[in-house]
Amino acid sequence: MPRRPPHRDQGLFPCEAEIARRLSQEPSEWAAKAIVLERDGLPRVDPLMGGRYWPSVQAYWNRRYGLSHVEAPALDGQENLDAL
């Protein structure tokens, strides 16, 4: 029985077709878009692992849409538990 290639749609280094799926893109169009986005900072395919590191891809999109810095709300004063 022939060995099947490893399942590449899960894990930290998904295949390009899976990345396209996760980003709601057509795999046939993703390759051209990825080239343009790499110029803007999209992580490149890691040559050793054979895929893009998914957490870095998510971080790229968070930065692109202004979600990279989460700030805690300012404190509104000291708590007074006796007021309850």
PDB file of N, CA and C in Angstrom:
ATOM      1  N   MET A   1       0.855  -1.181   0.000  1.00  0.00           N
ATOM      2  CA  MET A   1       0.000   0.000   0.000  1.00  0.00           C
ATOM      3  C   MET A   1       0.896   1.238   0.000  1.00  0.00           C
ATOM      4  N   PRO A   2       0.676   2.196  -0.942  1.00  0.00           N
ATOM      5  CA  PRO A   2       1.525   3.389  -0.987  1.00  0.00           C
ATOM      6  C   PRO A   2       1.294   4.300   0.214  1.00  0.00           C
ATOM      7  N   ARG A   3       2.363   4.939   0.627  1.00  0.00           N
ATOM      8  CA  ARG A   3       2.259   5.871   1.756  1.00  0.00           C
ATOM      9  C   ARG A   3       1.627   7.163   1.281  1.00  0.00           C
ATOM     10  N   ARG A   4       0.754   7.707   2.090  1.00  0.00           N
ATOM     11  CA  ARG A   4       0.121   8.985   1.778  1.00  0.00           C
ATOM     12  C   ARG A   4       0.998  10.115   2.291  1.00  0.00           C
ATOM     13  N   PRO A   5       1.023  11.230   1.574  1.00  0.00           N
ATOM     14  CA  PRO A   5       1.798  12.373   2.086  1.00  0.00           C
ATOM     15  C   PRO A   5       1.184  12.866   3.385  1.00  0.00           C
ATOM     16  N   PRO A   6       1.975  13.489   4.227  1.00  0.00           N
ATOM     17  CA  PRO A   6       1.432  13.986   5.495  1.00  0.00           C
ATOM     18  C   PRO A   6       0.303  14.987   5.257  1.00  0.00           C
ATOM     19  N   HIS A   7      -0.631  14.974   6.156  1.00  0.00           N
ATOM     20  CA  HIS A   7      -1.782  15.875   6.100  1.00  0.00           C
ATOM     21  C   HIS A   7      -1.290  17.295   6.337  1.00  0.00           C
ATOM     22  N   ARG A   8      -1.439  18.185   5.356  1.00  0.00           N
ATOM     23  CA  ARG A   8      -0.840  19.506   5.424  1.00  0.00           C
ATOM     24  C   ARG A   8      -1.843  20.626   5.644  1.00  0.00           C
ATOM     25  N   ASP A   9      -3.065  20.314   6.079  1.00  0.00           N
ATOM     26  CA  ASP A   9      -4.006  21.416   6.279  1.00  0.00           C
ATOM     27  C   ASP A   9      -4.168  21.769   7.753  1.00  0.00           C
ATOM     28  N   GLN A  10      -3.389  21.155   8.585  1.00  0.00           N
ATOM     29  CA  GLN A  10      -3.399  21.477  10.010  1.00  0.00           C
ATOM     30  C   GLN A  10      -1.972  21.799  10.430  1.00  0.00           C
ATOM     31  N   GLY A  11      -1.826  22.206  11.662  1.00  0.00           N
ATOM     32  CA  GLY A  11      -0.484  22.435  12.173  1.00  0.00           C
ATOM     33  C   GLY A  11       0.024  23.849  11.935  1.00  0.00           C
ATOM     34  N   LEU A  12       1.266  24.043  12.266  1.00  0.00           N
ATOM     35  CA  LEU A  12       1.872  25.367  12.236  1.00  0.00           C
ATOM     36  C   LEU A  12       2.382  25.781  10.861  1.00  0.00           C
ATOM     37  N   PHE A  13       2.563  24.843   9.937  1.00  0.00           N
ATOM     38  CA  PHE A  13       3.080  25.135   8.607  1.00  0.00           C
ATOM     39  C   PHE A  13       2.145  24.546   7.551  1.00  0.00           C
ATOM     40  N   PRO A  14       0.924  25.078   7.431  1.00  0.00           N
ATOM     41  CA  PRO A  14      -0.016  24.524   6.454  1.00  0.00           C
ATOM     42  C   PRO A  14       0.442  24.787   5.022  1.00  0.00           C
ATOM     43  N   CYS A  15      -0.052  23.977   4.104  1.00  0.00           N
ATOM     44  CA  CYS A  15       0.264  24.174   2.690  1.00  0.00           C
ATOM     45  C   CYS A  15      -0.409  25.453   2.181  1.00  0.00           C
ATOM     46  N   GLU A  16       0.028  25.906   1.023  1.00  0.00           N
ATOM     47  CA  GLU A  16      -0.497  27.148   0.461  1.00  0.00           C
ATOM     48  C   GLU A  16      -1.993  27.057   0.168  1.00  0.00           C
ATOM     49  N   ALA A  17      -2.471  25.897  -0.255  1.00  0.00           N
ATOM     50  CA  ALA A  17      -3.904  25.737  -0.514  1.00  0.00           C
ATOM     51  C   ALA A  17      -4.700  25.916   0.771  1.00  0.00           C
ATOM     52  N   GLU A  18      -4.167  25.425   1.886  1.00  0.00           N
ATOM     53  CA  GLU A  18      -4.859  25.572   3.171  1.00  0.00           C
ATOM     54  C   GLU A  18      -4.817  27.021   3.642  1.00  0.00           C
ATOM     55  N   ILE A  19      -3.703  27.698   3.440  1.00  0.00           N
ATOM     56  CA  ILE A  19      -3.634  29.113   3.805  1.00  0.00           C
ATOM     57  C   ILE A  19      -4.651  29.901   2.992  1.00  0.00           C
ATOM     58  N   ALA A  20      -4.730  29.615   1.708  1.00  0.00           N
ATOM     59  CA  ALA A  20      -5.728  30.283   0.862  1.00  0.00           C
ATOM     60  C   ALA A  20      -7.128  30.028   1.413  1.00  0.00           C
ATOM     61  N   ARG A  21      -7.420  28.798   1.775  1.00  0.00           N
ATOM     62  CA  ARG A  21      -8.738  28.463   2.317  1.00  0.00           C
ATOM     63  C   ARG A  21      -9.013  29.236   3.596  1.00  0.00           C
ATOM     64  N   ARG A  22      -8.028  29.271   4.511  1.00  0.00           N
ATOM     65  CA  ARG A  22      -8.207  29.973   5.782  1.00  0.00           C
ATOM     66  C   ARG A  22      -8.433  31.466   5.578  1.00  0.00           C
ATOM     67  N   LEU A  23      -7.902  32.015   4.472  1.00  0.00           N
ATOM     68  CA  LEU A  23      -8.045  33.440   4.190  1.00  0.00           C
ATOM     69  C   LEU A  23      -9.185  33.718   3.211  1.00  0.00           C
ATOM     70  N   SER A  24     -10.012  32.715   2.945  1.00  0.00           N
ATOM     71  CA  SER A  24     -11.161  32.838   2.036  1.00  0.00           C
ATOM     72  C   SER A  24     -10.731  33.273   0.637  1.00  0.00           C
ATOM     73  N   GLN A  25      -9.648  32.682   0.154  1.00  0.00           N
ATOM     74  CA  GLN A  25      -9.118  32.988  -1.176  1.00  0.00           C
ATOM     75  C   GLN A  25      -9.152  31.730  -2.038  1.00  0.00           C
ATOM     76  N   GLU A  26      -9.203  31.935  -3.339  1.00  0.00           N
ATOM     77  CA  GLU A  26      -9.083  30.823  -4.272  1.00  0.00           C
ATOM     78  C   GLU A  26      -7.616  30.421  -4.344  1.00  0.00           C
ATOM     79  N   PRO A  27      -7.317  29.139  -4.185  1.00  0.00           N
ATOM     80  CA  PRO A  27      -5.910  28.723  -4.264  1.00  0.00           C
ATOM     81  C   PRO A  27      -5.238  29.138  -5.572  1.00  0.00           C
ATOM     82  N   SER A  28      -5.983  29.144  -6.661  1.00  0.00           N
ATOM     83  CA  SER A  28      -5.394  29.525  -7.956  1.00  0.00           C
ATOM     84  C   SER A  28      -5.001  30.999  -7.994  1.00  0.00           C
ATOM     85  N   GLU A  29      -5.628  31.837  -7.191  1.00  0.00           N
ATOM     86  CA  GLU A  29      -5.322  33.264  -7.154  1.00  0.00           C
ATOM     87  C   GLU A  29      -4.359  33.617  -6.020  1.00  0.00           C
ATOM     88  N   TRP A  30      -4.244  32.757  -5.030  1.00  0.00           N
ATOM     89  CA  TRP A  30      -3.454  33.043  -3.848  1.00  0.00           C
ATOM     90  C   TRP A  30      -1.973  33.251  -4.165  1.00  0.00           C
ATOM     91  N   ALA A  31      -1.413  32.462  -5.057  1.00  0.00           N
ATOM     92  CA  ALA A  31       0.023  32.559  -5.342  1.00  0.00           C
ATOM     93  C   ALA A  31       0.413  33.968  -5.777  1.00  0.00           C
ATOM     94  N   ALA A  32      -0.347  34.556  -6.672  1.00  0.00           N
ATOM     95  CA  ALA A  32      -0.042  35.916  -7.139  1.00  0.00           C
ATOM     96  C   ALA A  32      -0.237  36.937  -6.022  1.00  0.00           C
ATOM     97  N   LYS A  33      -1.289  36.770  -5.227  1.00  0.00           N
ATOM     98  CA  LYS A  33      -1.531  37.695  -4.125  1.00  0.00           C
ATOM     99  C   LYS A  33      -0.429  37.588  -3.080  1.00  0.00           C
ATOM    100  N   ALA A  34       0.025  36.364  -2.813  1.00  0.00           N
ATOM    101  CA  ALA A  34       1.068  36.155  -1.807  1.00  0.00           C
ATOM    102  C   ALA A  34       2.354  36.871  -2.201  1.00  0.00           C
ATOM    103  N   ILE A  35       2.692  36.879  -3.479  1.00  0.00           N
ATOM    104  CA  ILE A  35       3.911  37.572  -3.938  1.00  0.00           C
ATOM    105  C   ILE A  35       3.820  39.059  -3.609  1.00  0.00           C
ATOM    106  N   VAL A  36       2.678  39.661  -3.891  1.00  0.00           N
ATOM    107  CA  VAL A  36       2.484  41.086  -3.598  1.00  0.00           C
ATOM    108  C   VAL A  36       2.513  41.326  -2.088  1.00  0.00           C
ATOM    109  N   LEU A  37       1.836  40.475  -1.322  1.00  0.00           N
ATOM    110  CA  LEU A  37       1.759  40.651   0.128  1.00  0.00           C
ATOM    111  C   LEU A  37       3.106  40.421   0.811  1.00  0.00           C
ATOM    112  N   GLU A  38       3.948  39.558   0.248  1.00  0.00           N
ATOM    113  CA  GLU A  38       5.286  39.348   0.818  1.00  0.00           C
ATOM    114  C   GLU A  38       6.100  40.635   0.791  1.00  0.00           C
ATOM    115  N   ARG A  39       5.887  41.473  -0.210  1.00  0.00           N
ATOM    116  CA  ARG A  39       6.584  42.767  -0.282  1.00  0.00           C
ATOM    117  C   ARG A  39       6.150  43.682   0.859  1.00  0.00           C
ATOM    118  N   ASP A  40       4.967  43.413   1.391  1.00  0.00           N
ATOM    119  CA  ASP A  40       4.413  44.216   2.492  1.00  0.00           C
ATOM    120  C   ASP A  40       4.671  43.580   3.855  1.00  0.00           C
ATOM    121  N   GLY A  41       5.313  42.411   3.888  1.00  0.00           N
ATOM    122  CA  GLY A  41       5.651  41.802   5.161  1.00  0.00           C
ATOM    123  C   GLY A  41       5.028  40.451   5.447  1.00  0.00           C
ATOM    124  N   LEU A  42       4.215  39.921   4.536  1.00  0.00           N
ATOM    125  CA  LEU A  42       3.682  38.568   4.743  1.00  0.00           C
ATOM    126  C   LEU A  42       4.856  37.606   4.870  1.00  0.00           C
ATOM    127  N   PRO A  43       4.859  36.744   5.889  1.00  0.00           N
ATOM    128  CA  PRO A  43       5.976  35.803   6.038  1.00  0.00           C
ATOM    129  C   PRO A  43       6.135  34.914   4.802  1.00  0.00           C
ATOM    130  N   ARG A  44       7.360  34.689   4.431  1.00  0.00           N
ATOM    131  CA  ARG A  44       7.664  33.827   3.286  1.00  0.00           C
ATOM    132  C   ARG A  44       7.580  32.360   3.704  1.00  0.00           C
ATOM    133  N   VAL A  45       7.526  31.490   2.719  1.00  0.00           N
ATOM    134  CA  VAL A  45       7.547  30.044   2.971  1.00  0.00           C
ATOM    135  C   VAL A  45       8.908  29.687   3.551  1.00  0.00           C
ATOM    136  N   ASP A  46       8.904  29.009   4.683  1.00  0.00           N
ATOM    137  CA  ASP A  46      10.145  28.564   5.307  1.00  0.00           C
ATOM    138  C   ASP A  46      10.695  27.409   4.472  1.00  0.00           C
ATOM    139  N   PRO A  47      11.916  27.538   3.945  1.00  0.00           N
ATOM    140  CA  PRO A  47      12.438  26.494   3.062  1.00  0.00           C
ATOM    141  C   PRO A  47      12.631  25.144   3.759  1.00  0.00           C
ATOM    142  N   LEU A  48      12.951  25.151   5.016  1.00  0.00           N
ATOM    143  CA  LEU A  48      13.149  23.900   5.733  1.00  0.00           C
ATOM    144  C   LEU A  48      11.825  23.210   6.033  1.00  0.00           C
ATOM    145  N   MET A  49      10.831  23.987   6.445  1.00  0.00           N
ATOM    146  CA  MET A  49       9.551  23.413   6.841  1.00  0.00           C
ATOM    147  C   MET A  49       8.572  23.271   5.670  1.00  0.00           C
ATOM    148  N   GLY A  50       8.807  24.014   4.601  1.00  0.00           N
ATOM    149  CA  GLY A  50       7.964  23.888   3.426  1.00  0.00           C
ATOM    150  C   GLY A  50       6.618  24.579   3.522  1.00  0.00           C
ATOM    151  N   GLY A  51       6.493  25.537   4.435  1.00  0.00           N
ATOM    152  CA  GLY A  51       5.237  26.268   4.569  1.00  0.00           C
ATOM    153  C   GLY A  51       5.465  27.565   5.318  1.00  0.00           C
ATOM    154  N   ARG A  52       4.423  28.377   5.360  1.00  0.00           N
ATOM    155  CA  ARG A  52       4.471  29.628   6.119  1.00  0.00           C
ATOM    156  C   ARG A  52       4.081  29.318   7.567  1.00  0.00           C
ATOM    157  N   TYR A  53       4.788  29.915   8.503  1.00  0.00           N
ATOM    158  CA  TYR A  53       4.483  29.716   9.921  1.00  0.00           C
ATOM    159  C   TYR A  53       3.158  30.423  10.208  1.00  0.00           C
ATOM    160  N   TRP A  54       2.107  29.664  10.479  1.00  0.00           N
ATOM    161  CA  TRP A  54       0.758  30.203  10.590  1.00  0.00           C
ATOM    162  C   TRP A  54       0.614  31.311  11.637  1.00  0.00           C
ATOM    163  N   PRO A  55       1.168  31.190  12.861  1.00  0.00           N
ATOM    164  CA  PRO A  55       1.038  32.308  13.802  1.00  0.00           C
ATOM    165  C   PRO A  55       1.620  33.613  13.259  1.00  0.00           C
ATOM    166  N   SER A  56       2.681  33.530  12.461  1.00  0.00           N
ATOM    167  CA  SER A  56       3.248  34.739  11.862  1.00  0.00           C
ATOM    168  C   SER A  56       2.334  35.300  10.781  1.00  0.00           C
ATOM    169  N   VAL A  57       1.657  34.427  10.057  1.00  0.00           N
ATOM    170  CA  VAL A  57       0.696  34.884   9.051  1.00  0.00           C
ATOM    171  C   VAL A  57      -0.448  35.628   9.743  1.00  0.00           C
ATOM    172  N   GLN A  58      -0.950  35.067  10.829  1.00  0.00           N
ATOM    173  CA  GLN A  58      -2.010  35.736  11.591  1.00  0.00           C
ATOM    174  C   GLN A  58      -1.527  37.071  12.137  1.00  0.00           C
ATOM    175  N   ALA A  59      -0.295  37.110  12.656  1.00  0.00           N
ATOM    176  CA  ALA A  59       0.255  38.358  13.191  1.00  0.00           C
ATOM    177  C   ALA A  59       0.378  39.407  12.088  1.00  0.00           C
ATOM    178  N   TYR A  60       0.756  38.976  10.885  1.00  0.00           N
ATOM    179  CA  TYR A  60       0.836  39.908   9.758  1.00  0.00           C
ATOM    180  C   TYR A  60      -0.521  40.558   9.522  1.00  0.00           C
ATOM    181  N   TRP A  61      -1.588  39.772   9.459  1.00  0.00           N
ATOM    182  CA  TRP A  61      -2.919  40.335   9.196  1.00  0.00           C
ATOM    183  C   TRP A  61      -3.381  41.201  10.360  1.00  0.00           C
ATOM    184  N   ASN A  62      -3.064  40.810  11.582  1.00  0.00           N
ATOM    185  CA  ASN A  62      -3.428  41.654  12.731  1.00  0.00           C
ATOM    186  C   ASN A  62      -2.742  43.010  12.656  1.00  0.00           C
ATOM    187  N   ARG A  63      -1.461  43.027  12.296  1.00  0.00           N
ATOM    188  CA  ARG A  63      -0.750  44.303  12.135  1.00  0.00           C
ATOM    189  C   ARG A  63      -1.345  45.111  10.992  1.00  0.00           C
ATOM    190  N   ARG A  64      -1.629  44.459   9.901  1.00  0.00           N
ATOM    191  CA  ARG A  64      -2.162  45.153   8.718  1.00  0.00           C
ATOM    192  C   ARG A  64      -3.491  45.847   9.020  1.00  0.00           C
ATOM    193  N   TYR A  65      -4.271  45.261   9.908  1.00  0.00           N
ATOM    194  CA  TYR A  65      -5.575  45.835  10.237  1.00  0.00           C
ATOM    195  C   TYR A  65      -5.610  46.498  11.614  1.00  0.00           C
ATOM    196  N   GLY A  66      -4.431  46.811  12.155  1.00  0.00           N
ATOM    197  CA  GLY A  66      -4.349  47.605  13.374  1.00  0.00           C
ATOM    198  C   GLY A  66      -4.715  46.879  14.646  1.00  0.00           C
ATOM    199  N   LEU A  67      -4.571  45.565  14.661  1.00  0.00           N
ATOM    200  CA  LEU A  67      -4.921  44.801  15.856  1.00  0.00           C
ATOM    201  C   LEU A  67      -3.708  44.250  16.589  1.00  0.00           C
ATOM    202  N   SER A  68      -2.536  44.761  16.291  1.00  0.00           N
ATOM    203  CA  SER A  68      -1.339  44.184  16.887  1.00  0.00           C
ATOM    204  C   SER A  68      -1.058  44.681  18.293  1.00  0.00           C
ATOM    205  N   HIS A  69      -1.625  45.814  18.663  1.00  0.00           N
ATOM    206  CA  HIS A  69      -1.375  46.352  19.992  1.00  0.00           C
ATOM    207  C   HIS A  69      -2.679  46.375  20.773  1.00  0.00           C
ATOM    208  N   VAL A  70      -2.769  45.488  21.733  1.00  0.00           N
ATOM    209  CA  VAL A  70      -3.940  45.453  22.588  1.00  0.00           C
ATOM    210  C   VAL A  70      -3.577  46.167  23.877  1.00  0.00           C
ATOM    211  N   GLU A  71      -4.335  47.187  24.200  1.00  0.00           N
ATOM    212  CA  GLU A  71      -4.045  47.964  25.400  1.00  0.00           C
ATOM    213  C   GLU A  71      -5.094  47.682  26.466  1.00  0.00           C
ATOM    214  N   ALA A  72      -4.637  47.583  27.688  1.00  0.00           N
ATOM    215  CA  ALA A  72      -5.560  47.403  28.812  1.00  0.00           C
ATOM    216  C   ALA A  72      -6.260  48.728  29.079  1.00  0.00           C
ATOM    217  N   PRO A  73      -7.521  48.677  29.435  1.00  0.00           N
ATOM    218  CA  PRO A  73      -8.213  49.936  29.728  1.00  0.00           C
ATOM    219  C   PRO A  73      -7.597  50.622  30.951  1.00  0.00           C
ATOM    220  N   ALA A  74      -7.687  51.926  30.973  1.00  0.00           N
ATOM    221  CA  ALA A  74      -7.155  52.692  32.101  1.00  0.00           C
ATOM    222  C   ALA A  74      -7.975  52.398  33.353  1.00  0.00           C
ATOM    223  N   LEU A  75      -7.297  52.426  34.468  1.00  0.00           N
ATOM    224  CA  LEU A  75      -7.996  52.217  35.740  1.00  0.00           C
ATOM    225  C   LEU A  75      -8.895  53.415  36.014  1.00  0.00           C
ATOM    226  N   ASP A  76     -10.069  53.144  36.578  1.00  0.00           N
ATOM    227  CA  ASP A  76     -10.998  54.239  36.821  1.00  0.00           C
ATOM    228  C   ASP A  76     -11.020  54.661  38.304  1.00  0.00           C
ATOM    229  N   GLY A  77     -10.041  54.230  39.037  1.00  0.00           N
ATOM    230  CA  GLY A  77      -9.974  54.611  40.444  1.00  0.00           C
ATOM    231  C   GLY A  77      -9.804  53.388  41.328  1.00  0.00           C
ATOM    232  N   GLN A  78      -9.608  53.627  42.596  1.00  0.00           N
ATOM    233  CA  GLN A  78      -9.396  52.542  43.541  1.00  0.00           C
ATOM    234  C   GLN A  78     -10.741  51.891  43.879  1.00  0.00           C
ATOM    235  N   GLU A  79     -10.721  50.588  44.042  1.00  0.00           N
ATOM    236  CA  GLU A  79     -11.956  49.861  44.370  1.00  0.00           C
ATOM    237  C   GLU A  79     -12.351  50.142  45.825  1.00  0.00           C
ATOM    238  N   ASN A  80     -13.654  50.301  46.039  1.00  0.00           N
ATOM    239  CA  ASN A  80     -14.185  50.469  47.373  1.00  0.00           C
ATOM    240  C   ASN A  80     -15.234  49.396  47.588  1.00  0.00           C
ATOM    241  N   LEU A  81     -14.792  48.288  48.180  1.00  0.00           N
ATOM    242  CA  LEU A  81     -15.697  47.148  48.364  1.00  0.00           C
ATOM    243  C   LEU A  81     -16.728  47.434  49.466  1.00  0.00           C
ATOM    244  N   ASP A  82     -16.508  48.422  50.326  1.00  0.00           N
ATOM    245  CA  ASP A  82     -17.483  48.765  51.350  1.00  0.00           C
ATOM    246  C   ASP A  82     -18.717  49.454  50.752  1.00  0.00           C
ATOM    247  N   ALA A  83     -18.595  49.908  49.535  1.00  0.00           N
ATOM    248  CA  ALA A  83     -19.715  50.600  48.886  1.00  0.00           C
ATOM    249  C   ALA A  83     -20.805  49.617  48.450  1.00  0.00           C
ATOM    250  N   LEU A  84     -20.510  48.363  48.444  1.00  0.00           N
ATOM    251  CA  LEU A  84     -21.495  47.368  47.984  1.00  0.00           C
ATOM    252  C   LEU A  84     -22.520  47.107  49.002  1.00  0.00           C
TER     253      LEU A  84
END
